[in-house]
Amino acid sequence: MTDMGLMRYFLGLEVDQSDQGIFICQHKYAADILTRFRMDKCRAAETPIAAGTKLSKQDNGPAMDSTL
């Protein structure tokens, strides 16, 4: 068995190992899908949820209109 260094890709996931921890993302996978269906030149859209929003299973918040 040989040591090939730090893992970079695993099962389609990008792996970034650093002193702060191990981070996993699918940026390359998403970019490949957009290229495959010729959507890589499309305009980006805003995310419908604020970045950094914490989600939980608790039902303490106000009811939302799901049709919006």
C-alpha atoms as a PDB file:
ATOM      1  CA  MET A   1       0.000   0.000   0.000  1.00  0.00           C
ATOM      2  CA  THR A   2       1.359   3.443  -0.868  1.00  0.00           C
ATOM      3  CA  ASP A   3       0.605   6.882   0.510  1.00  0.00           C
ATOM      4  CA  MET A   4      -0.519   9.140  -2.349  1.00  0.00           C
ATOM      5  CA  GLY A   5      -0.719  12.319  -0.238  1.00  0.00           C
ATOM      6  CA  LEU A   6      -3.767  14.335   0.704  1.00  0.00           C
ATOM      7  CA  MET A   7      -7.084  13.302  -0.811  1.00  0.00           C
ATOM      8  CA  ARG A   8      -8.400  15.829  -3.347  1.00  0.00           C
ATOM      9  CA  TYR A   9     -11.439  14.076  -4.915  1.00  0.00           C
ATOM     10  CA  PHE A  10     -13.524  11.212  -3.569  1.00  0.00           C
ATOM     11  CA  LEU A  11     -16.677   9.856  -5.242  1.00  0.00           C
ATOM     12  CA  GLY A  12     -17.290  13.149  -7.029  1.00  0.00           C
ATOM     13  CA  LEU A  13     -16.722  15.276  -3.922  1.00  0.00           C
ATOM     14  CA  GLU A  14     -13.951  17.829  -3.636  1.00  0.00           C
ATOM     15  CA  VAL A  15     -12.034  17.424  -0.379  1.00  0.00           C
ATOM     16  CA  ASP A  16      -9.878  20.190   1.097  1.00  0.00           C
ATOM     17  CA  GLN A  17      -7.788  19.142   4.077  1.00  0.00           C
ATOM     18  CA  SER A  18      -6.146  21.895   6.114  1.00  0.00           C
ATOM     19  CA  ASP A  19      -5.170  22.734   9.691  1.00  0.00           C
ATOM     20  CA  GLN A  20      -8.663  24.149  10.289  1.00  0.00           C
ATOM     21  CA  GLY A  21     -10.355  20.868   9.308  1.00  0.00           C
ATOM     22  CA  ILE A  22     -11.685  18.911   6.351  1.00  0.00           C
ATOM     23  CA  PHE A  23     -14.050  20.724   3.981  1.00  0.00           C
ATOM     24  CA  ILE A  24     -16.187  18.960   1.371  1.00  0.00           C
ATOM     25  CA  CYS A  25     -17.971  20.611  -1.551  1.00  0.00           C
ATOM     26  CA  GLN A  26     -19.421  19.716  -4.958  1.00  0.00           C
ATOM     27  CA  HIS A  27     -18.364  22.804  -6.942  1.00  0.00           C
ATOM     28  CA  LYS A  28     -16.711  20.788  -9.737  1.00  0.00           C
ATOM     29  CA  TYR A  29     -19.684  18.385  -9.951  1.00  0.00           C
ATOM     30  CA  ALA A  30     -22.138  21.285 -10.284  1.00  0.00           C
ATOM     31  CA  ALA A  31     -19.930  22.996 -12.887  1.00  0.00           C
ATOM     32  CA  ASP A  32     -19.712  19.744 -14.894  1.00  0.00           C
ATOM     33  CA  ILE A  33     -23.518  19.363 -14.866  1.00  0.00           C
ATOM     34  CA  LEU A  34     -23.989  22.967 -16.048  1.00  0.00           C
ATOM     35  CA  THR A  35     -21.450  22.419 -18.842  1.00  0.00           C
ATOM     36  CA  ARG A  36     -23.056  19.118 -19.867  1.00  0.00           C
ATOM     37  CA  PHE A  37     -26.440  20.760 -20.380  1.00  0.00           C
ATOM     38  CA  ARG A  38     -24.922  23.935 -21.888  1.00  0.00           C
ATOM     39  CA  MET A  39     -26.061  26.114 -18.999  1.00  0.00           C
ATOM     40  CA  ASP A  40     -22.607  27.264 -17.882  1.00  0.00           C
ATOM     41  CA  LYS A  41     -23.043  30.620 -19.663  1.00  0.00           C
ATOM     42  CA  CYS A  42     -26.435  31.338 -18.048  1.00  0.00           C
ATOM     43  CA  ARG A  43     -26.895  34.269 -15.697  1.00  0.00           C
ATOM     44  CA  ALA A  44     -26.677  33.471 -12.007  1.00  0.00           C
ATOM     45  CA  ALA A  45     -29.721  33.928  -9.780  1.00  0.00           C
ATOM     46  CA  GLU A  46     -29.841  35.047  -6.180  1.00  0.00           C
ATOM     47  CA  THR A  47     -30.149  32.408  -3.488  1.00  0.00           C
ATOM     48  CA  PRO A  48     -33.708  32.343  -2.103  1.00  0.00           C
ATOM     49  CA  ILE A  49     -32.401  32.060   1.475  1.00  0.00           C
ATOM     50  CA  ALA A  50     -30.012  34.351   3.306  1.00  0.00           C
ATOM     51  CA  ALA A  51     -26.477  32.989   3.538  1.00  0.00           C
ATOM     52  CA  GLY A  52     -25.602  31.744   7.007  1.00  0.00           C
ATOM     53  CA  THR A  53     -29.209  31.030   8.017  1.00  0.00           C
ATOM     54  CA  LYS A  54     -29.401  28.262  10.611  1.00  0.00           C
ATOM     55  CA  LEU A  55     -32.116  25.678  10.008  1.00  0.00           C
ATOM     56  CA  SER A  56     -33.639  23.602  12.783  1.00  0.00           C
ATOM     57  CA  LYS A  57     -36.396  21.062  13.262  1.00  0.00           C
ATOM     58  CA  GLN A  58     -38.015  23.026  16.084  1.00  0.00           C
ATOM     59  CA  ASP A  59     -41.381  24.597  15.287  1.00  0.00           C
ATOM     60  CA  ASN A  60     -41.005  27.864  17.246  1.00  0.00           C
ATOM     61  CA  GLY A  61     -41.222  30.370  14.392  1.00  0.00           C
ATOM     62  CA  PRO A  62     -44.213  31.981  12.734  1.00  0.00           C
ATOM     63  CA  ALA A  63     -46.132  30.095  10.066  1.00  0.00           C
ATOM     64  CA  MET A  64     -44.981  30.903   6.515  1.00  0.00           C
ATOM     65  CA  ASP A  65     -47.032  31.164   3.335  1.00  0.00           C
ATOM     66  CA  SER A  66     -45.666  28.309   1.199  1.00  0.00           C
ATOM     67  CA  THR A  67     -47.144  29.805  -2.002  1.00  0.00           C
ATOM     68  CA  LEU A  68     -44.696  32.742  -1.989  1.00  0.00           C
END
